[in-house]
Amino acid sequence: MKLALILLALFATACTGTKKVAGGTSEETNALARNEVLPVIGRDGQSKTALAFNPSSYIASEYDGKFSLVRAFEISAWFKIDNLPEKSDMPHNLIGKFSAEDAALPSEFSLSLLNGACETEAPAFAFFLTDENSAFDCKKAVLSKKAVEAGSWILIKAKWDGRYLTLYQDGAVVAREEKISAVLPYSKLPVYLGKSQVSFAIDGLSLNTEAL
């Protein structure tokens, strides 16, 4: 089942200021919170199909229970990192489910950009997944060793099929580990785009509760 939090819905919210967007069913309707997110030219170089985030920007789904009790999911999006992050011992969240008041990210999952965290020596994408609400743990992540180039569109996909956690960069597998978990727990934490302390743009976002 595709989740309601898809990029077209986010565009509608960002551009019109609408507080509600409809999902595939009435119970999937989301309330969205947002801060300083703007539509920008996307990867086609012509149309404003992307959303731009500054270091304090975010979009948050306030729908309780999103991504809860699922046995598999997949996140896919194009990212253009405008400025590579400075060295830090914490991840820079791009898409994740966590508490906004908790600095120990991620609480459940996060597609992040790292530079220094988890012994990274250069900016790298990573995906964190835990089957319980726990603090940031490098042992619960898969990390790409492929270079991140500022200013270029990069396709990133993270897939969890209930057993293996796989990270793709520009269509190629860059990390894959066995992380067996029956199901993600139920929680009321929101799904955040942004809150990353990094300026970036995102295009073609897809969030699915089945790993395709």
N, C-alpha and C. Protein backbone atom coordinates (compact mmCIF):
# COMPACT_ATOMS: atom_id res chain seq x y z
N MET A 1 0.85 -1.19 0.00
CA MET A 1 0.00 0.00 0.00
C MET A 1 0.88 1.23 0.00
N LYS A 2 0.66 2.13 -0.93
CA LYS A 2 1.44 3.37 -0.96
C LYS A 2 0.94 4.28 0.14
N LEU A 3 1.88 4.94 0.81
CA LEU A 3 1.53 5.87 1.85
C LEU A 3 1.09 7.19 1.24
N ALA A 4 0.33 7.94 2.04
CA ALA A 4 -0.20 9.21 1.54
C ALA A 4 0.86 10.28 1.45
N LEU A 5 1.94 10.13 2.17
CA LEU A 5 2.98 11.16 2.17
C LEU A 5 3.84 11.02 0.93
N ILE A 6 3.39 11.52 -0.19
CA ILE A 6 4.12 11.47 -1.45
C ILE A 6 4.40 12.90 -1.89
N LEU A 7 5.31 13.04 -2.83
CA LEU A 7 5.82 14.35 -3.15
C LEU A 7 4.76 15.29 -3.72
N LEU A 8 3.84 14.78 -4.54
CA LEU A 8 2.82 15.67 -5.09
C LEU A 8 2.00 16.29 -3.98
N ALA A 9 1.70 15.51 -2.95
CA ALA A 9 0.95 16.05 -1.83
C ALA A 9 1.76 17.11 -1.10
N LEU A 10 3.03 16.88 -0.98
CA LEU A 10 3.89 17.85 -0.31
C LEU A 10 3.99 19.13 -1.13
N PHE A 11 4.04 19.01 -2.46
CA PHE A 11 4.05 20.20 -3.31
C PHE A 11 2.80 21.03 -3.06
N ALA A 12 1.66 20.35 -3.03
CA ALA A 12 0.40 21.06 -2.84
C ALA A 12 0.40 21.82 -1.52
N THR A 13 0.93 21.19 -0.49
CA THR A 13 0.98 21.82 0.82
C THR A 13 1.94 23.00 0.82
N ALA A 14 3.14 22.79 0.24
CA ALA A 14 4.15 23.83 0.27
C ALA A 14 3.73 25.05 -0.56
N CYS A 15 3.05 24.80 -1.66
CA CYS A 15 2.74 25.89 -2.57
C CYS A 15 1.46 26.63 -2.20
N THR A 16 0.50 25.93 -1.62
CA THR A 16 -0.79 26.55 -1.34
C THR A 16 -1.00 26.88 0.12
N GLY A 17 -0.17 26.29 1.00
CA GLY A 17 -0.37 26.51 2.42
C GLY A 17 -1.48 25.66 3.00
N THR A 18 -2.03 24.74 2.22
CA THR A 18 -3.09 23.88 2.71
C THR A 18 -2.61 23.03 3.86
N LYS A 19 -3.46 22.86 4.88
CA LYS A 19 -3.07 22.09 6.06
C LYS A 19 -3.36 20.61 5.91
N LYS A 20 -4.28 20.23 5.02
CA LYS A 20 -4.65 18.83 4.88
C LYS A 20 -4.39 18.36 3.46
N VAL A 21 -3.90 17.14 3.33
CA VAL A 21 -3.80 16.53 2.01
C VAL A 21 -4.39 15.14 2.09
N ALA A 22 -5.06 14.73 1.04
CA ALA A 22 -5.76 13.46 1.08
C ALA A 22 -4.85 12.32 0.66
N GLY A 23 -5.01 11.19 1.30
CA GLY A 23 -4.27 10.00 0.93
C GLY A 23 -5.14 9.07 0.12
N GLY A 24 -4.69 7.81 0.00
CA GLY A 24 -5.43 6.84 -0.78
C GLY A 24 -6.77 6.50 -0.15
N THR A 25 -6.86 6.60 1.16
CA THR A 25 -8.12 6.37 1.86
C THR A 25 -8.30 7.48 2.87
N SER A 26 -9.53 7.66 3.36
CA SER A 26 -9.81 8.77 4.25
C SER A 26 -8.99 8.71 5.53
N GLU A 27 -8.72 7.48 6.04
CA GLU A 27 -7.97 7.38 7.28
C GLU A 27 -6.50 7.70 7.11
N GLU A 28 -6.03 7.82 5.85
CA GLU A 28 -4.63 8.16 5.61
C GLU A 28 -4.42 9.66 5.45
N THR A 29 -5.49 10.46 5.59
CA THR A 29 -5.35 11.89 5.46
C THR A 29 -4.34 12.41 6.48
N ASN A 30 -3.42 13.24 6.01
CA ASN A 30 -2.35 13.74 6.87
C ASN A 30 -2.55 15.20 7.20
N ALA A 31 -2.19 15.56 8.44
CA ALA A 31 -1.97 16.95 8.77
C ALA A 31 -0.48 17.19 8.63
N LEU A 32 -0.10 18.21 7.89
CA LEU A 32 1.32 18.47 7.65
C LEU A 32 1.74 19.77 8.33
N ALA A 33 2.86 19.71 9.00
CA ALA A 33 3.50 20.91 9.52
C ALA A 33 4.69 21.20 8.63
N ARG A 34 4.99 22.48 8.39
CA ARG A 34 6.10 22.80 7.51
C ARG A 34 6.75 24.11 7.95
N ASN A 35 8.00 24.29 7.52
CA ASN A 35 8.73 25.49 7.87
C ASN A 35 9.75 25.80 6.77
N GLU A 36 9.56 26.93 6.10
CA GLU A 36 10.53 27.47 5.14
C GLU A 36 10.92 26.48 4.05
N VAL A 37 9.93 25.84 3.45
CA VAL A 37 10.17 24.92 2.33
C VAL A 37 9.62 25.57 1.06
N LEU A 38 10.44 25.61 0.00
CA LEU A 38 10.05 26.30 -1.21
C LEU A 38 10.14 25.40 -2.43
N PRO A 39 9.20 25.54 -3.39
CA PRO A 39 9.32 24.81 -4.66
C PRO A 39 10.45 25.38 -5.51
N VAL A 40 11.24 24.51 -6.12
CA VAL A 40 12.36 24.94 -6.96
C VAL A 40 12.44 24.07 -8.21
N ILE A 41 13.27 24.48 -9.17
CA ILE A 41 13.47 23.71 -10.38
C ILE A 41 14.01 22.33 -10.03
N GLY A 42 13.37 21.30 -10.59
CA GLY A 42 13.75 19.93 -10.30
C GLY A 42 14.84 19.42 -11.23
N ARG A 43 14.98 18.11 -11.25
CA ARG A 43 16.08 17.51 -11.99
C ARG A 43 15.90 17.58 -13.51
N ASP A 44 14.68 17.92 -13.98
CA ASP A 44 14.51 18.10 -15.42
C ASP A 44 15.07 19.43 -15.90
N GLY A 45 15.45 20.31 -14.96
CA GLY A 45 16.05 21.59 -15.31
C GLY A 45 15.09 22.63 -15.81
N GLN A 46 13.77 22.33 -15.79
CA GLN A 46 12.79 23.25 -16.36
C GLN A 46 11.62 23.54 -15.44
N SER A 47 11.11 22.52 -14.76
CA SER A 47 9.88 22.66 -13.98
C SER A 47 10.17 22.66 -12.48
N LYS A 48 9.32 23.33 -11.73
CA LYS A 48 9.47 23.37 -10.28
C LYS A 48 8.84 22.12 -9.66
N THR A 49 9.52 21.00 -9.84
CA THR A 49 9.03 19.73 -9.31
C THR A 49 9.71 19.35 -8.00
N ALA A 50 10.67 20.15 -7.56
CA ALA A 50 11.44 19.82 -6.35
C ALA A 50 11.08 20.76 -5.21
N LEU A 51 11.46 20.37 -4.01
CA LEU A 51 11.32 21.21 -2.83
C LEU A 51 12.70 21.48 -2.25
N ALA A 52 12.93 22.74 -1.87
CA ALA A 52 14.23 23.14 -1.32
C ALA A 52 14.11 23.33 0.19
N PHE A 53 15.10 22.79 0.91
CA PHE A 53 15.18 22.88 2.36
C PHE A 53 16.45 23.62 2.75
N ASN A 54 16.34 24.58 3.67
CA ASN A 54 17.53 25.17 4.25
C ASN A 54 17.83 24.44 5.56
N PRO A 55 18.88 24.78 6.28
CA PRO A 55 19.22 24.01 7.48
C PRO A 55 18.13 23.92 8.55
N SER A 56 17.19 24.86 8.56
CA SER A 56 16.12 24.81 9.57
C SER A 56 14.77 24.39 9.00
N SER A 57 14.72 24.10 7.69
CA SER A 57 13.45 23.73 7.05
C SER A 57 13.02 22.31 7.42
N TYR A 58 11.72 22.08 7.34
CA TYR A 58 11.22 20.72 7.51
C TYR A 58 9.79 20.63 7.02
N ILE A 59 9.37 19.42 6.71
CA ILE A 59 7.96 19.05 6.55
C ILE A 59 7.75 17.86 7.45
N ALA A 60 6.68 17.86 8.22
CA ALA A 60 6.41 16.77 9.15
C ALA A 60 5.00 16.25 8.96
N SER A 61 4.86 14.94 8.87
CA SER A 61 3.55 14.30 8.85
C SER A 61 3.11 14.11 10.29
N GLU A 62 1.95 14.64 10.64
CA GLU A 62 1.47 14.53 12.01
C GLU A 62 0.47 13.38 12.17
N TYR A 63 0.35 12.55 11.13
CA TYR A 63 -0.55 11.40 11.20
C TYR A 63 0.03 10.36 12.13
N ASP A 64 -0.71 10.02 13.21
CA ASP A 64 -0.23 9.05 14.19
C ASP A 64 -0.08 7.67 13.57
N GLY A 65 1.04 7.05 13.84
CA GLY A 65 1.20 5.65 13.47
C GLY A 65 1.77 5.41 12.09
N LYS A 66 2.19 6.45 11.38
CA LYS A 66 2.73 6.24 10.03
C LYS A 66 3.98 5.36 10.10
N PHE A 67 4.06 4.40 9.19
CA PHE A 67 5.14 3.42 9.13
C PHE A 67 5.13 2.44 10.30
N SER A 68 4.09 2.48 11.14
CA SER A 68 4.02 1.53 12.24
C SER A 68 3.47 0.19 11.76
N LEU A 69 3.92 -0.85 12.42
CA LEU A 69 3.39 -2.20 12.21
C LEU A 69 3.51 -2.64 10.76
N VAL A 70 4.57 -2.23 10.09
CA VAL A 70 4.81 -2.68 8.72
C VAL A 70 5.94 -3.70 8.71
N ARG A 71 5.87 -4.61 7.76
CA ARG A 71 6.86 -5.69 7.66
C ARG A 71 7.93 -5.41 6.61
N ALA A 72 7.71 -4.38 5.82
CA ALA A 72 8.68 -3.99 4.79
C ALA A 72 8.34 -2.58 4.33
N PHE A 73 9.35 -1.85 3.89
CA PHE A 73 9.07 -0.56 3.26
C PHE A 73 10.25 -0.13 2.40
N GLU A 74 9.98 0.90 1.60
CA GLU A 74 10.98 1.40 0.67
C GLU A 74 10.86 2.92 0.58
N ILE A 75 12.00 3.59 0.59
CA ILE A 75 12.06 5.04 0.43
C ILE A 75 12.95 5.32 -0.78
N SER A 76 12.47 6.15 -1.68
CA SER A 76 13.25 6.48 -2.87
C SER A 76 13.07 7.97 -3.18
N ALA A 77 14.16 8.66 -3.52
CA ALA A 77 14.08 10.08 -3.86
C ALA A 77 15.37 10.53 -4.53
N TRP A 78 15.24 11.61 -5.29
CA TRP A 78 16.40 12.31 -5.84
C TRP A 78 16.77 13.44 -4.90
N PHE A 79 18.07 13.54 -4.59
CA PHE A 79 18.56 14.60 -3.71
C PHE A 79 19.62 15.42 -4.42
N LYS A 80 19.59 16.73 -4.19
CA LYS A 80 20.68 17.61 -4.61
C LYS A 80 21.17 18.32 -3.36
N ILE A 81 22.36 17.96 -2.91
CA ILE A 81 22.92 18.55 -1.70
C ILE A 81 23.63 19.85 -2.09
N ASP A 82 23.14 20.97 -1.58
CA ASP A 82 23.70 22.26 -1.95
C ASP A 82 25.00 22.55 -1.22
N ASN A 83 25.07 22.13 0.03
CA ASN A 83 26.31 22.32 0.78
C ASN A 83 26.60 21.07 1.59
N LEU A 84 27.77 20.52 1.44
CA LEU A 84 28.13 19.32 2.19
C LEU A 84 28.31 19.68 3.66
N PRO A 85 27.86 18.82 4.57
CA PRO A 85 27.90 19.16 6.00
C PRO A 85 29.32 19.18 6.55
N GLU A 86 29.53 20.01 7.56
CA GLU A 86 30.79 20.00 8.27
C GLU A 86 30.86 18.76 9.16
N LYS A 87 32.05 18.47 9.66
CA LYS A 87 32.24 17.30 10.51
C LYS A 87 31.32 17.35 11.72
N SER A 88 30.67 16.24 12.01
CA SER A 88 29.75 16.16 13.14
C SER A 88 29.66 14.71 13.59
N ASP A 89 29.40 14.50 14.88
CA ASP A 89 29.24 13.14 15.38
C ASP A 89 27.79 12.69 15.34
N MET A 90 26.92 13.47 14.70
CA MET A 90 25.51 13.13 14.57
C MET A 90 25.10 13.12 13.10
N PRO A 91 24.10 12.32 12.72
CA PRO A 91 23.62 12.31 11.34
C PRO A 91 22.79 13.55 11.02
N HIS A 92 22.72 13.87 9.73
CA HIS A 92 21.88 14.97 9.25
C HIS A 92 20.68 14.33 8.54
N ASN A 93 19.53 14.36 9.18
CA ASN A 93 18.36 13.67 8.66
C ASN A 93 17.84 14.31 7.37
N LEU A 94 17.56 13.48 6.37
CA LEU A 94 16.88 13.91 5.16
C LEU A 94 15.43 13.45 5.18
N ILE A 95 15.20 12.18 5.49
CA ILE A 95 13.86 11.63 5.68
C ILE A 95 13.93 10.69 6.88
N GLY A 96 13.11 10.89 7.90
CA GLY A 96 13.19 10.01 9.05
C GLY A 96 11.99 10.12 9.96
N LYS A 97 11.89 9.17 10.86
CA LYS A 97 10.81 9.13 11.84
C LYS A 97 11.44 9.23 13.23
N PHE A 98 11.20 10.36 13.89
CA PHE A 98 11.84 10.59 15.17
C PHE A 98 11.11 11.69 15.93
N SER A 99 11.47 11.87 17.16
CA SER A 99 10.92 12.93 17.99
C SER A 99 11.68 14.22 17.75
N ALA A 100 10.99 15.30 17.48
CA ALA A 100 11.64 16.58 17.22
C ALA A 100 12.37 17.10 18.44
N GLU A 101 11.96 16.68 19.63
CA GLU A 101 12.59 17.16 20.86
C GLU A 101 13.80 16.33 21.26
N ASP A 102 14.02 15.21 20.58
CA ASP A 102 15.09 14.30 20.95
C ASP A 102 16.27 14.47 20.00
N ALA A 103 17.41 14.88 20.53
CA ALA A 103 18.58 15.10 19.68
C ALA A 103 19.27 13.80 19.30
N ALA A 104 18.91 12.70 19.97
CA ALA A 104 19.55 11.41 19.67
C ALA A 104 18.81 10.75 18.51
N LEU A 105 19.19 11.12 17.28
CA LEU A 105 18.51 10.61 16.09
C LEU A 105 19.22 9.36 15.60
N PRO A 106 18.56 8.49 14.89
CA PRO A 106 17.12 8.46 14.69
C PRO A 106 16.44 7.62 15.76
N SER A 107 15.17 7.85 16.00
CA SER A 107 14.42 7.04 16.96
C SER A 107 13.95 5.74 16.32
N GLU A 108 13.56 5.78 15.05
CA GLU A 108 13.11 4.56 14.37
C GLU A 108 13.83 4.34 13.04
N PHE A 109 13.79 5.33 12.16
CA PHE A 109 14.58 5.20 10.93
C PHE A 109 14.96 6.58 10.44
N SER A 110 16.01 6.62 9.65
CA SER A 110 16.44 7.89 9.06
C SER A 110 17.33 7.63 7.86
N LEU A 111 16.98 8.24 6.74
CA LEU A 111 17.86 8.34 5.59
C LEU A 111 18.63 9.64 5.79
N SER A 112 19.93 9.54 6.01
CA SER A 112 20.71 10.67 6.50
C SER A 112 21.95 10.90 5.66
N LEU A 113 22.53 12.07 5.87
CA LEU A 113 23.83 12.40 5.33
C LEU A 113 24.80 12.50 6.51
N LEU A 114 25.92 11.79 6.41
CA LEU A 114 26.90 11.78 7.49
C LEU A 114 28.21 12.43 7.04
N ASN A 115 28.91 13.00 8.01
CA ASN A 115 30.29 13.44 7.78
C ASN A 115 30.98 13.44 9.14
N GLY A 116 31.63 12.35 9.45
CA GLY A 116 32.27 12.19 10.75
C GLY A 116 31.59 11.17 11.62
N ALA A 117 30.26 11.13 11.59
CA ALA A 117 29.52 10.14 12.37
C ALA A 117 29.78 8.74 11.80
N CYS A 118 29.75 7.75 12.68
CA CYS A 118 29.94 6.34 12.28
C CYS A 118 31.28 6.15 11.55
N GLU A 119 32.28 6.92 11.96
CA GLU A 119 33.64 6.81 11.43
C GLU A 119 33.76 7.17 9.95
N THR A 120 32.79 7.93 9.43
CA THR A 120 32.90 8.38 8.05
C THR A 120 33.97 9.47 7.95
N GLU A 121 34.78 9.41 6.90
CA GLU A 121 35.85 10.37 6.70
C GLU A 121 35.49 11.42 5.66
N ALA A 122 34.36 11.21 4.97
CA ALA A 122 33.87 12.15 3.97
C ALA A 122 32.35 12.05 3.95
N PRO A 123 31.65 13.05 3.42
CA PRO A 123 30.19 12.99 3.37
C PRO A 123 29.69 11.71 2.70
N ALA A 124 28.70 11.06 3.32
CA ALA A 124 28.17 9.79 2.81
C ALA A 124 26.72 9.64 3.23
N PHE A 125 25.94 8.97 2.38
CA PHE A 125 24.56 8.65 2.72
C PHE A 125 24.53 7.41 3.61
N ALA A 126 23.54 7.37 4.49
CA ALA A 126 23.36 6.22 5.38
C ALA A 126 21.88 6.04 5.65
N PHE A 127 21.50 4.80 5.99
CA PHE A 127 20.13 4.53 6.39
C PHE A 127 20.15 3.78 7.71
N PHE A 128 19.46 4.35 8.70
CA PHE A 128 19.36 3.76 10.04
C PHE A 128 17.98 3.13 10.21
N LEU A 129 17.94 1.98 10.84
CA LEU A 129 16.67 1.31 11.10
C LEU A 129 16.77 0.58 12.44
N THR A 130 15.77 0.80 13.29
CA THR A 130 15.70 0.08 14.55
C THR A 130 14.28 -0.39 14.76
N ASP A 131 14.11 -1.54 15.40
CA ASP A 131 12.77 -2.07 15.65
C ASP A 131 12.26 -1.66 17.02
N GLU A 132 12.89 -0.67 17.61
CA GLU A 132 12.43 -0.14 18.89
C GLU A 132 12.86 1.31 18.99
N ASN A 133 12.23 2.07 19.88
CA ASN A 133 12.62 3.46 20.07
C ASN A 133 13.94 3.50 20.82
N SER A 134 15.02 3.74 20.12
CA SER A 134 16.33 3.73 20.75
C SER A 134 17.16 4.89 20.25
N ALA A 135 18.26 5.14 20.90
CA ALA A 135 19.13 6.24 20.52
C ALA A 135 19.91 5.91 19.26
N PHE A 136 20.52 6.90 18.70
CA PHE A 136 21.35 6.80 17.51
C PHE A 136 22.43 5.73 17.72
N ASP A 137 22.49 4.75 16.79
CA ASP A 137 23.40 3.61 16.94
C ASP A 137 23.94 3.25 15.55
N CYS A 138 25.24 3.40 15.36
CA CYS A 138 25.85 3.11 14.06
C CYS A 138 25.72 1.64 13.67
N LYS A 139 25.56 0.76 14.66
CA LYS A 139 25.41 -0.66 14.38
C LYS A 139 24.08 -0.98 13.71
N LYS A 140 23.16 -0.02 13.76
CA LYS A 140 21.85 -0.22 13.16
C LYS A 140 21.72 0.51 11.83
N ALA A 141 22.85 0.74 11.16
CA ALA A 141 22.85 1.50 9.91
C ALA A 141 23.58 0.77 8.81
N VAL A 142 23.22 1.08 7.57
CA VAL A 142 24.02 0.71 6.40
C VAL A 142 24.53 2.00 5.80
N LEU A 143 25.81 2.02 5.41
CA LEU A 143 26.47 3.24 4.95
C LEU A 143 27.01 3.07 3.55
N SER A 144 26.85 4.11 2.74
CA SER A 144 27.44 4.14 1.42
C SER A 144 28.88 4.62 1.52
N LYS A 145 29.75 4.06 0.70
CA LYS A 145 31.13 4.55 0.60
C LYS A 145 31.35 5.33 -0.69
N LYS A 146 30.25 5.54 -1.42
CA LYS A 146 30.33 6.28 -2.68
C LYS A 146 30.33 7.78 -2.40
N ALA A 147 31.10 8.52 -3.14
CA ALA A 147 31.24 9.96 -2.91
C ALA A 147 29.92 10.69 -3.13
N VAL A 148 29.74 11.77 -2.38
CA VAL A 148 28.59 12.65 -2.53
C VAL A 148 29.09 13.95 -3.15
N GLU A 149 28.56 14.31 -4.30
CA GLU A 149 28.99 15.51 -5.00
C GLU A 149 27.96 16.60 -4.82
N ALA A 150 28.36 17.72 -4.26
CA ALA A 150 27.45 18.84 -4.05
C ALA A 150 26.98 19.41 -5.38
N GLY A 151 25.69 19.78 -5.43
CA GLY A 151 25.15 20.43 -6.62
C GLY A 151 24.66 19.50 -7.70
N SER A 152 24.81 18.19 -7.54
CA SER A 152 24.35 17.22 -8.54
C SER A 152 23.19 16.41 -8.00
N TRP A 153 22.26 16.03 -8.86
CA TRP A 153 21.14 15.19 -8.46
C TRP A 153 21.63 13.76 -8.27
N ILE A 154 21.28 13.16 -7.14
CA ILE A 154 21.69 11.80 -6.79
C ILE A 154 20.44 11.00 -6.41
N LEU A 155 20.26 9.84 -7.01
CA LEU A 155 19.12 8.98 -6.69
C LEU A 155 19.50 8.06 -5.53
N ILE A 156 18.72 8.14 -4.45
CA ILE A 156 18.96 7.32 -3.27
C ILE A 156 17.71 6.49 -2.97
N LYS A 157 17.92 5.22 -2.71
CA LYS A 157 16.82 4.34 -2.32
C LYS A 157 17.25 3.48 -1.16
N ALA A 158 16.39 3.38 -0.15
CA ALA A 158 16.62 2.49 0.99
C ALA A 158 15.46 1.51 1.03
N LYS A 159 15.79 0.22 1.14
CA LYS A 159 14.76 -0.82 1.13
C LYS A 159 14.97 -1.79 2.28
N TRP A 160 13.91 -2.04 2.98
CA TRP A 160 13.91 -3.07 4.04
C TRP A 160 12.84 -4.08 3.70
N ASP A 161 13.22 -5.36 3.56
CA ASP A 161 12.26 -6.39 3.19
C ASP A 161 11.90 -7.30 4.36
N GLY A 162 12.19 -6.84 5.57
CA GLY A 162 11.92 -7.64 6.76
C GLY A 162 13.12 -8.45 7.20
N ARG A 163 14.10 -8.57 6.33
CA ARG A 163 15.31 -9.31 6.65
C ARG A 163 16.58 -8.54 6.27
N TYR A 164 16.59 -8.04 5.03
CA TYR A 164 17.78 -7.33 4.56
C TYR A 164 17.49 -5.84 4.44
N LEU A 165 18.47 -5.04 4.83
CA LEU A 165 18.43 -3.60 4.67
C LEU A 165 19.42 -3.24 3.57
N THR A 166 18.90 -2.63 2.49
CA THR A 166 19.72 -2.35 1.32
C THR A 166 19.68 -0.87 0.99
N LEU A 167 20.83 -0.31 0.68
CA LEU A 167 20.94 1.09 0.30
C LEU A 167 21.48 1.16 -1.13
N TYR A 168 20.78 1.92 -1.98
CA TYR A 168 21.17 2.11 -3.38
C TYR A 168 21.56 3.57 -3.60
N GLN A 169 22.55 3.80 -4.45
CA GLN A 169 22.94 5.14 -4.84
C GLN A 169 23.12 5.16 -6.35
N ASP A 170 22.31 5.99 -7.01
CA ASP A 170 22.31 6.06 -8.48
C ASP A 170 22.11 4.69 -9.11
N GLY A 171 21.19 3.91 -8.53
CA GLY A 171 20.80 2.63 -9.10
C GLY A 171 21.65 1.44 -8.72
N ALA A 172 22.77 1.67 -8.07
CA ALA A 172 23.67 0.58 -7.69
C ALA A 172 23.59 0.32 -6.19
N VAL A 173 23.69 -0.96 -5.81
CA VAL A 173 23.72 -1.32 -4.40
C VAL A 173 25.04 -0.86 -3.80
N VAL A 174 24.97 -0.03 -2.75
CA VAL A 174 26.20 0.46 -2.11
C VAL A 174 26.36 -0.09 -0.70
N ALA A 175 25.31 -0.70 -0.15
CA ALA A 175 25.40 -1.32 1.17
C ALA A 175 24.22 -2.26 1.35
N ARG A 176 24.49 -3.43 1.96
CA ARG A 176 23.42 -4.39 2.21
C ARG A 176 23.81 -5.25 3.41
N GLU A 177 22.91 -5.31 4.39
CA GLU A 177 23.18 -6.09 5.59
C GLU A 177 21.92 -6.81 6.03
N GLU A 178 22.12 -7.94 6.66
CA GLU A 178 20.99 -8.70 7.20
C GLU A 178 20.63 -8.12 8.56
N LYS A 179 19.39 -7.64 8.66
CA LYS A 179 18.88 -7.06 9.91
C LYS A 179 17.47 -7.59 10.12
N ILE A 180 17.37 -8.76 10.67
CA ILE A 180 16.09 -9.44 10.79
C ILE A 180 15.22 -8.76 11.84
N SER A 181 14.00 -8.42 11.44
CA SER A 181 13.02 -7.87 12.36
C SER A 181 11.65 -8.22 11.81
N ALA A 182 10.76 -8.68 12.68
CA ALA A 182 9.45 -9.13 12.22
C ALA A 182 8.59 -7.96 11.75
N VAL A 183 8.61 -6.85 12.50
CA VAL A 183 7.73 -5.74 12.20
C VAL A 183 8.21 -4.52 12.97
N LEU A 184 8.05 -3.34 12.37
CA LEU A 184 8.36 -2.12 13.11
C LEU A 184 7.29 -1.89 14.17
N PRO A 185 7.66 -1.32 15.30
CA PRO A 185 6.69 -1.14 16.39
C PRO A 185 5.71 -0.03 16.08
N TYR A 186 4.61 0.00 16.83
CA TYR A 186 3.66 1.10 16.71
C TYR A 186 4.21 2.31 17.46
N SER A 187 4.12 3.47 16.84
CA SER A 187 4.50 4.70 17.54
C SER A 187 3.76 5.86 16.90
N LYS A 188 3.70 6.96 17.63
CA LYS A 188 3.04 8.17 17.15
C LYS A 188 4.03 9.22 16.65
N LEU A 189 5.29 8.81 16.48
CA LEU A 189 6.29 9.76 16.03
C LEU A 189 6.00 10.20 14.59
N PRO A 190 6.21 11.48 14.26
CA PRO A 190 5.99 11.95 12.89
C PRO A 190 7.13 11.54 11.96
N VAL A 191 6.85 11.56 10.66
CA VAL A 191 7.88 11.39 9.64
C VAL A 191 8.32 12.78 9.21
N TYR A 192 9.63 13.03 9.28
CA TYR A 192 10.18 14.35 8.96
C TYR A 192 10.97 14.29 7.65
N LEU A 193 10.78 15.33 6.83
CA LEU A 193 11.71 15.66 5.77
C LEU A 193 12.45 16.89 6.24
N GLY A 194 13.77 16.85 6.22
CA GLY A 194 14.53 17.99 6.67
C GLY A 194 14.94 17.88 8.13
N LYS A 195 15.06 19.05 8.79
CA LYS A 195 15.66 19.14 10.13
C LYS A 195 17.09 18.59 10.09
N SER A 196 17.82 18.95 9.04
CA SER A 196 19.08 18.28 8.77
C SER A 196 20.31 19.14 9.00
N GLN A 197 20.14 20.46 9.18
CA GLN A 197 21.28 21.39 9.24
C GLN A 197 22.07 21.38 7.93
N VAL A 198 21.39 20.98 6.86
CA VAL A 198 22.01 20.95 5.52
C VAL A 198 21.03 21.58 4.54
N SER A 199 21.53 22.33 3.56
CA SER A 199 20.68 22.84 2.50
C SER A 199 20.63 21.81 1.37
N PHE A 200 19.42 21.41 0.98
CA PHE A 200 19.28 20.40 -0.07
C PHE A 200 17.94 20.55 -0.75
N ALA A 201 17.80 19.91 -1.90
CA ALA A 201 16.53 19.83 -2.62
C ALA A 201 16.18 18.36 -2.81
N ILE A 202 14.87 18.08 -2.89
CA ILE A 202 14.40 16.71 -3.05
C ILE A 202 13.36 16.68 -4.17
N ASP A 203 13.42 15.63 -4.98
CA ASP A 203 12.51 15.48 -6.11
C ASP A 203 12.15 14.01 -6.24
N GLY A 204 10.96 13.73 -6.75
CA GLY A 204 10.55 12.36 -7.05
C GLY A 204 10.49 11.45 -5.84
N LEU A 205 10.02 11.97 -4.71
CA LEU A 205 9.95 11.18 -3.49
C LEU A 205 8.86 10.12 -3.56
N SER A 206 9.21 8.89 -3.14
CA SER A 206 8.25 7.80 -3.05
C SER A 206 8.47 7.08 -1.72
N LEU A 207 7.38 6.90 -0.96
CA LEU A 207 7.41 6.17 0.31
C LEU A 207 6.38 5.06 0.22
N ASN A 208 6.83 3.83 0.36
CA ASN A 208 5.95 2.68 0.23
C ASN A 208 6.07 1.76 1.42
N THR A 209 4.95 1.15 1.79
CA THR A 209 4.98 0.19 2.90
C THR A 209 5.21 -1.22 2.41
N GLU A 210 5.65 -1.35 1.19
CA GLU A 210 6.11 -2.64 0.67
C GLU A 210 7.42 -2.41 -0.06
N ALA A 211 8.40 -3.25 0.19
CA ALA A 211 9.67 -3.14 -0.51
C ALA A 211 9.49 -3.71 -1.91
N LEU A 212 9.62 -2.88 -2.92
CA LEU A 212 9.31 -3.29 -4.30
C LEU A 212 10.49 -3.95 -4.97
